[in-house]
Amino acid sequence: MASRVLIVEDDDVLRWLMTEAITHLGYEATGCISADAALPKLQVDDSFDLVITDVMMPGQCDGIGLAKAIWSTSPDFPIIIVSGNTVLPSGFLPANGRFIAKPCTFETLNQTMLELFSLR
């Protein structure tokens, strides 16, 4: 069974592109429009294996807040944080977190996902 990836991105085109890329890599991809919408989805459906989230999104919770909320209950859960205008300081993320700057290449996304899945 393919690993399930939740993609949290408010931009419709970027969410679609990321979903297509993840599907092409052989994973099952589900898109979500915001961190606020992702939190209840993750509480109801615990079968996701990875979250990829943008940082800046509308709503009460951004991508960093989403990651912190996930890690507060599942500290080993792998999360990739992506952003085109945020830079995270070295050592900010735990061992199961990665940061990718937008735009990213297909290869960078693939290698980062493989790296995180190998930690599980």
C-alpha atoms as a PDB file:
ATOM      1  CA  MET A   1       0.000   0.000   0.000  1.00  0.00           C
ATOM      2  CA  ALA A   2       1.328   3.438  -0.943  1.00  0.00           C
ATOM      3  CA  SER A   3       2.261   5.917   1.754  1.00  0.00           C
ATOM      4  CA  ARG A   4      -0.296   8.680   2.239  1.00  0.00           C
ATOM      5  CA  VAL A   5       0.787  12.322   2.053  1.00  0.00           C
ATOM      6  CA  LEU A   6      -1.279  15.317   3.143  1.00  0.00           C
ATOM      7  CA  ILE A   7      -0.382  18.471   1.202  1.00  0.00           C
ATOM      8  CA  VAL A   8      -1.370  21.716   2.934  1.00  0.00           C
ATOM      9  CA  GLU A   9      -1.171  24.654   0.518  1.00  0.00           C
ATOM     10  CA  ASP A  10      -3.565  27.573   0.078  1.00  0.00           C
ATOM     11  CA  ASP A  11      -2.613  28.283  -3.544  1.00  0.00           C
ATOM     12  CA  ASP A  12      -4.827  26.084  -5.741  1.00  0.00           C
ATOM     13  CA  VAL A  13      -2.295  25.749  -8.568  1.00  0.00           C
ATOM     14  CA  LEU A  14       0.630  24.927  -6.263  1.00  0.00           C
ATOM     15  CA  ARG A  15      -1.497  22.422  -4.321  1.00  0.00           C
ATOM     16  CA  TRP A  16      -2.503  20.746  -7.587  1.00  0.00           C
ATOM     17  CA  LEU A  17       1.104  20.661  -8.848  1.00  0.00           C
ATOM     18  CA  MET A  18       2.372  19.203  -5.565  1.00  0.00           C
ATOM     19  CA  THR A  19      -0.410  16.602  -5.574  1.00  0.00           C
ATOM     20  CA  GLU A  20       0.475  15.609  -9.135  1.00  0.00           C
ATOM     21  CA  ALA A  21       4.187  15.355  -8.279  1.00  0.00           C
ATOM     22  CA  ILE A  22       3.536  13.237  -5.166  1.00  0.00           C
ATOM     23  CA  THR A  23       1.197  10.945  -7.097  1.00  0.00           C
ATOM     24  CA  HIS A  24       3.789  10.590  -9.871  1.00  0.00           C
ATOM     25  CA  LEU A  25       6.308   9.476  -7.226  1.00  0.00           C
ATOM     26  CA  GLY A  26       3.963   6.627  -6.290  1.00  0.00           C
ATOM     27  CA  TYR A  27       2.367   8.009  -3.140  1.00  0.00           C
ATOM     28  CA  GLU A  28      -1.274   8.697  -2.378  1.00  0.00           C
ATOM     29  CA  ALA A  29      -1.731  12.479  -2.142  1.00  0.00           C
ATOM     30  CA  THR A  30      -4.533  14.448  -0.515  1.00  0.00           C
ATOM     31  CA  GLY A  31      -4.708  18.227  -0.723  1.00  0.00           C
ATOM     32  CA  CYS A  32      -5.908  20.576   1.979  1.00  0.00           C
ATOM     33  CA  ILE A  33      -6.453  24.332   1.582  1.00  0.00           C
ATOM     34  CA  SER A  34      -5.203  25.477   5.018  1.00  0.00           C
ATOM     35  CA  ALA A  35      -3.638  24.435   8.298  1.00  0.00           C
ATOM     36  CA  ASP A  36      -6.991  25.175   9.955  1.00  0.00           C
ATOM     37  CA  ALA A  37      -8.628  22.581   7.662  1.00  0.00           C
ATOM     38  CA  ALA A  38      -5.740  20.107   8.013  1.00  0.00           C
ATOM     39  CA  LEU A  39      -5.856  19.791  11.811  1.00  0.00           C
ATOM     40  CA  PRO A  40      -9.352  18.258  12.021  1.00  0.00           C
ATOM     41  CA  LYS A  41      -8.602  16.058   8.993  1.00  0.00           C
ATOM     42  CA  LEU A  42      -5.539  14.669  10.765  1.00  0.00           C
ATOM     43  CA  GLN A  43      -7.515  14.100  13.974  1.00  0.00           C
ATOM     44  CA  VAL A  44     -10.174  12.083  12.137  1.00  0.00           C
ATOM     45  CA  ASP A  45      -7.865  10.255   9.716  1.00  0.00           C
ATOM     46  CA  ASP A  46      -4.674   8.929  11.291  1.00  0.00           C
ATOM     47  CA  SER A  47      -3.535   7.032   8.210  1.00  0.00           C
ATOM     48  CA  PHE A  48      -1.325   9.812   6.776  1.00  0.00           C
ATOM     49  CA  ASP A  49       2.404   9.036   6.715  1.00  0.00           C
ATOM     50  CA  LEU A  50       3.755  12.514   5.924  1.00  0.00           C
ATOM     51  CA  VAL A  51       2.590  16.132   5.851  1.00  0.00           C
ATOM     52  CA  ILE A  52       3.936  18.712   3.427  1.00  0.00           C
ATOM     53  CA  THR A  53       2.891  22.215   4.422  1.00  0.00           C
ATOM     54  CA  ASP A  54       3.401  25.751   3.235  1.00  0.00           C
ATOM     55  CA  VAL A  55       4.282  28.268   5.943  1.00  0.00           C
ATOM     56  CA  MET A  56       2.139  31.298   5.178  1.00  0.00           C
ATOM     57  CA  MET A  57      -1.583  30.586   4.850  1.00  0.00           C
ATOM     58  CA  PRO A  58      -4.780  32.371   5.768  1.00  0.00           C
ATOM     59  CA  GLY A  59      -6.534  31.357   8.956  1.00  0.00           C
ATOM     60  CA  GLN A  60      -5.640  31.074  12.602  1.00  0.00           C
ATOM     61  CA  CYS A  61      -2.853  28.529  12.130  1.00  0.00           C
ATOM     62  CA  ASP A  62       0.098  28.719   9.730  1.00  0.00           C
ATOM     63  CA  GLY A  63       2.349  25.866   8.589  1.00  0.00           C
ATOM     64  CA  ILE A  64       4.735  26.194  11.538  1.00  0.00           C
ATOM     65  CA  GLY A  65       1.782  26.111  13.946  1.00  0.00           C
ATOM     66  CA  LEU A  66       0.441  23.042  12.148  1.00  0.00           C
ATOM     67  CA  ALA A  67       3.790  21.273  12.490  1.00  0.00           C
ATOM     68  CA  LYS A  68       4.012  22.145  16.187  1.00  0.00           C
ATOM     69  CA  ALA A  69       0.452  20.902  16.780  1.00  0.00           C
ATOM     70  CA  ILE A  70       1.217  17.605  15.042  1.00  0.00           C
ATOM     71  CA  TRP A  71       4.494  17.155  16.892  1.00  0.00           C
ATOM     72  CA  SER A  72       2.826  17.906  20.246  1.00  0.00           C
ATOM     73  CA  THR A  73       0.861  14.651  19.952  1.00  0.00           C
ATOM     74  CA  SER A  74       3.045  12.690  17.472  1.00  0.00           C
ATOM     75  CA  PRO A  75       6.664  13.784  18.011  1.00  0.00           C
ATOM     76  CA  ASP A  76       8.059  11.338  15.423  1.00  0.00           C
ATOM     77  CA  PHE A  77       5.686  12.309  12.601  1.00  0.00           C
ATOM     78  CA  PRO A  78       7.587  13.425   9.446  1.00  0.00           C
ATOM     79  CA  ILE A  79       6.794  16.894   8.118  1.00  0.00           C
ATOM     80  CA  ILE A  80       8.210  18.861   5.206  1.00  0.00           C
ATOM     81  CA  ILE A  81       7.786  22.630   5.484  1.00  0.00           C
ATOM     82  CA  VAL A  82       7.986  24.580   2.229  1.00  0.00           C
ATOM     83  CA  SER A  83       8.107  28.313   1.667  1.00  0.00           C
ATOM     84  CA  GLY A  84       9.044  30.833  -0.954  1.00  0.00           C
ATOM     85  CA  ASN A  85       9.581  33.682   1.489  1.00  0.00           C
ATOM     86  CA  THR A  86      10.447  32.187   4.880  1.00  0.00           C
ATOM     87  CA  VAL A  87      13.825  30.895   5.935  1.00  0.00           C
ATOM     88  CA  LEU A  88      14.073  28.683   9.006  1.00  0.00           C
ATOM     89  CA  PRO A  89      17.195  28.946  11.161  1.00  0.00           C
ATOM     90  CA  SER A  90      19.545  25.993  11.418  1.00  0.00           C
ATOM     91  CA  GLY A  91      18.448  23.609  14.165  1.00  0.00           C
ATOM     92  CA  PHE A  92      14.864  24.942  14.195  1.00  0.00           C
ATOM     93  CA  LEU A  93      13.319  21.668  13.056  1.00  0.00           C
ATOM     94  CA  PRO A  94      13.518  18.312  14.827  1.00  0.00           C
ATOM     95  CA  ALA A  95      15.165  15.288  13.170  1.00  0.00           C
ATOM     96  CA  ASN A  96      11.912  14.318  11.436  1.00  0.00           C
ATOM     97  CA  GLY A  97      11.313  17.788   9.963  1.00  0.00           C
ATOM     98  CA  ARG A  98      12.732  19.233   6.775  1.00  0.00           C
ATOM     99  CA  PHE A  99      12.575  22.621   5.084  1.00  0.00           C
ATOM    100  CA  ILE A 100      12.457  23.074   1.306  1.00  0.00           C
ATOM    101  CA  ALA A 101      12.572  26.500  -0.344  1.00  0.00           C
ATOM    102  CA  LYS A 102      10.076  27.194  -3.125  1.00  0.00           C
ATOM    103  CA  PRO A 103      10.333  26.694  -5.952  1.00  0.00           C
ATOM    104  CA  CYS A 104      11.779  23.246  -5.468  1.00  0.00           C
ATOM    105  CA  THR A 105      12.781  20.616  -7.965  1.00  0.00           C
ATOM    106  CA  PHE A 106      11.066  17.279  -8.354  1.00  0.00           C
ATOM    107  CA  GLU A 107      14.342  15.613  -7.345  1.00  0.00           C
ATOM    108  CA  THR A 108      14.673  17.657  -4.138  1.00  0.00           C
ATOM    109  CA  LEU A 109      11.123  16.743  -3.159  1.00  0.00           C
ATOM    110  CA  ASN A 110      11.702  13.061  -3.925  1.00  0.00           C
ATOM    111  CA  GLN A 111      15.015  12.884  -2.020  1.00  0.00           C
ATOM    112  CA  THR A 112      13.585  14.687   1.000  1.00  0.00           C
ATOM    113  CA  MET A 113      10.588  12.357   1.141  1.00  0.00           C
ATOM    114  CA  LEU A 114      12.781   9.262   0.804  1.00  0.00           C
ATOM    115  CA  GLU A 115      15.052  10.551   3.567  1.00  0.00           C
ATOM    116  CA  LEU A 116      12.139  11.104   5.961  1.00  0.00           C
ATOM    117  CA  PHE A 117      10.515   7.763   5.148  1.00  0.00           C
ATOM    118  CA  SER A 118      13.818   6.012   5.841  1.00  0.00           C
ATOM    119  CA  LEU A 119      13.741   7.374   9.407  1.00  0.00           C
ATOM    120  CA  ARG A 120      10.507   5.560  10.227  1.00  0.00           C
END
